[in-house]
Protein backbone atom coordinates (compact mmCIF):
# COMPACT_ATOMS: atom_id res chain seq x y z
CA MET A 1 40.51 -167.34 129.86
CA ASN A 2 43.51 -169.46 130.72
CA SER A 3 46.44 -169.27 133.10
CA GLU A 4 48.63 -167.63 130.43
CA PHE A 5 46.14 -164.79 130.07
CA ILE A 6 46.04 -164.27 133.84
CA GLU A 7 49.86 -164.37 134.00
CA GLU A 8 50.16 -161.79 131.20
CA LEU A 9 47.65 -159.46 132.85
CA TYR A 10 49.35 -159.94 136.22
CA ASN A 11 52.74 -159.08 134.72
CA THR A 12 51.30 -156.00 133.02
CA LEU A 13 49.87 -154.84 136.35
CA LYS A 14 53.22 -155.48 138.06
CA GLU A 15 54.83 -153.13 135.55
CA ARG A 16 52.12 -150.53 136.11
CA LYS A 17 52.81 -150.72 139.84
CA LYS A 18 56.14 -149.04 139.07
CA SER A 19 54.47 -146.22 137.13
CA SER A 20 53.74 -142.75 138.39
CA ARG A 21 50.41 -142.41 140.14
CA SER A 22 49.60 -139.60 137.74
CA LYS A 23 49.82 -142.06 134.82
CA SER A 24 48.53 -145.34 136.25
CA TYR A 25 45.24 -146.16 137.94
CA THR A 26 46.82 -149.44 139.04
CA ALA A 27 49.58 -147.53 140.85
CA ILE A 28 46.97 -145.34 142.53
CA LEU A 29 45.11 -148.42 143.80
CA ILE A 30 48.25 -150.16 145.01
CA ASN A 31 49.30 -147.08 146.94
CA ASN A 32 45.85 -146.66 148.49
CA PRO A 33 44.73 -149.97 150.06
CA GLU A 34 41.53 -148.40 151.40
CA LEU A 35 40.52 -147.34 147.88
CA LEU A 36 41.41 -150.77 146.50
CA ALA A 37 39.34 -152.48 149.22
CA LYS A 38 36.43 -150.13 148.46
CA LYS A 39 36.66 -150.96 144.74
CA ILE A 40 36.63 -154.71 145.47
CA GLY A 41 33.46 -154.24 147.51
CA GLU A 42 31.88 -152.02 144.89
CA GLU A 43 32.61 -154.37 141.99
CA SER A 44 31.43 -157.39 144.02
CA SER A 45 28.16 -155.64 144.87
CA GLU A 46 27.58 -154.61 141.27
CA LEU A 47 28.24 -158.18 140.11
CA ILE A 48 25.75 -159.52 142.65
CA ILE A 49 23.09 -157.05 141.50
CA ASP A 50 23.61 -157.94 137.84
CA PHE A 51 23.52 -161.65 138.70
CA ILE A 52 20.21 -161.27 140.55
CA LYS A 53 18.82 -159.30 137.59
CA LYS A 54 20.19 -161.96 135.19
CA ASN A 55 21.92 -159.13 133.29
CA LYS A 56 24.47 -161.11 131.26
CA LYS A 57 26.23 -158.06 129.81
CA GLY A 58 26.46 -156.49 133.26
CA ILE A 59 27.83 -159.73 134.69
CA VAL A 60 30.54 -159.83 132.01
CA ASN A 61 31.52 -156.20 132.64
CA GLU A 62 31.48 -156.44 136.42
CA SER A 63 33.35 -159.77 136.35
CA ALA A 64 36.10 -158.15 134.30
CA ASP A 65 36.24 -155.24 136.77
CA LEU A 66 36.35 -157.59 139.75
CA ILE A 67 39.07 -159.78 138.22
CA TYR A 68 41.16 -156.69 137.44
CA HIS A 69 40.85 -155.41 141.01
CA LEU A 70 41.55 -158.87 142.42
CA LEU A 71 44.76 -159.07 140.39
CA VAL A 72 45.74 -155.62 141.68
CA VAL A 73 45.32 -157.00 145.22
CA TRP A 74 47.63 -159.89 144.34
CA VAL A 75 50.23 -157.53 142.87
CA SER A 76 50.04 -155.21 145.88
CA ILE A 77 50.65 -158.07 148.32
CA GLY A 78 53.08 -160.04 146.13
CA ILE A 79 50.89 -163.07 145.51
CA ASP A 80 51.80 -164.86 142.30
CA PRO A 81 48.85 -166.28 140.31
CA LYS A 82 50.55 -169.70 140.54
CA GLU A 83 49.84 -169.65 144.29
CA ILE A 84 46.12 -169.29 143.59
CA GLN A 85 46.29 -171.92 140.87
CA TYR A 86 48.00 -174.31 143.31
CA GLU A 87 45.35 -173.70 145.98
CA LEU A 88 42.54 -174.31 143.50
CA SER A 89 44.20 -177.49 142.20
CA LYS A 90 44.36 -178.83 145.78
CA ARG A 91 40.66 -178.15 146.21
CA LYS A 92 39.55 -180.00 143.10
CA LYS A 93 40.57 -183.26 144.78
CA GLU A 94 37.54 -183.06 147.08
CA SER A 95 34.06 -181.73 146.74
CA GLY A 96 33.31 -178.21 147.88
CA LEU A 97 30.99 -179.60 150.53
CA GLU A 98 33.73 -181.85 151.92
CA GLU A 99 36.22 -178.97 151.91
CA LYS A 100 33.82 -176.68 153.77
CA GLU A 101 32.99 -179.41 156.27
CA SER A 102 36.70 -179.94 157.00
CA ARG A 103 36.89 -176.24 157.92
CA GLY A 104 33.74 -176.40 160.06
CA ILE A 105 31.63 -174.36 157.66
CA LYS A 106 27.94 -175.20 157.52
CA ASN A 107 26.51 -176.42 154.25
CA GLU A 108 24.78 -173.52 152.48
CA LYS A 109 21.94 -175.75 151.31
CA ASN A 110 20.93 -176.19 154.95
CA ILE A 111 20.85 -172.45 155.66
C-alpha cells in the first residue's frame, strides 16, 4: 500500500460522500457521526481480538475495515491524507519513545 493507493481511495470516498444515503454506505456513515464512531470502535476491537489470537486472515480483514472507516473519518472532517503523511514524516525524525516523552507520556515498557 502506498500513498497513491490511499489518495485514490480517499478521492473515491469523497465522491461517495456526495451520493444519496440510499446508495452509499460511506454517505450514511458521514451523515451519522455516532455510527461512524461506533464502527471505528468495533473494527478496532475486532482487530485487537484477531491480533491476540494471531489470526492473520482476520487481521488483514479487520485492518482493511479499520482503514476504510478511518478514511471516512478523514473525508467527513476534511482532512487530506497529505496532512497525515506530513505528521508521520515529522515523527520519523525521532524515536517513538522520544516523541512520547516530549508529550509527557510514560514509556509503555515501564507499565
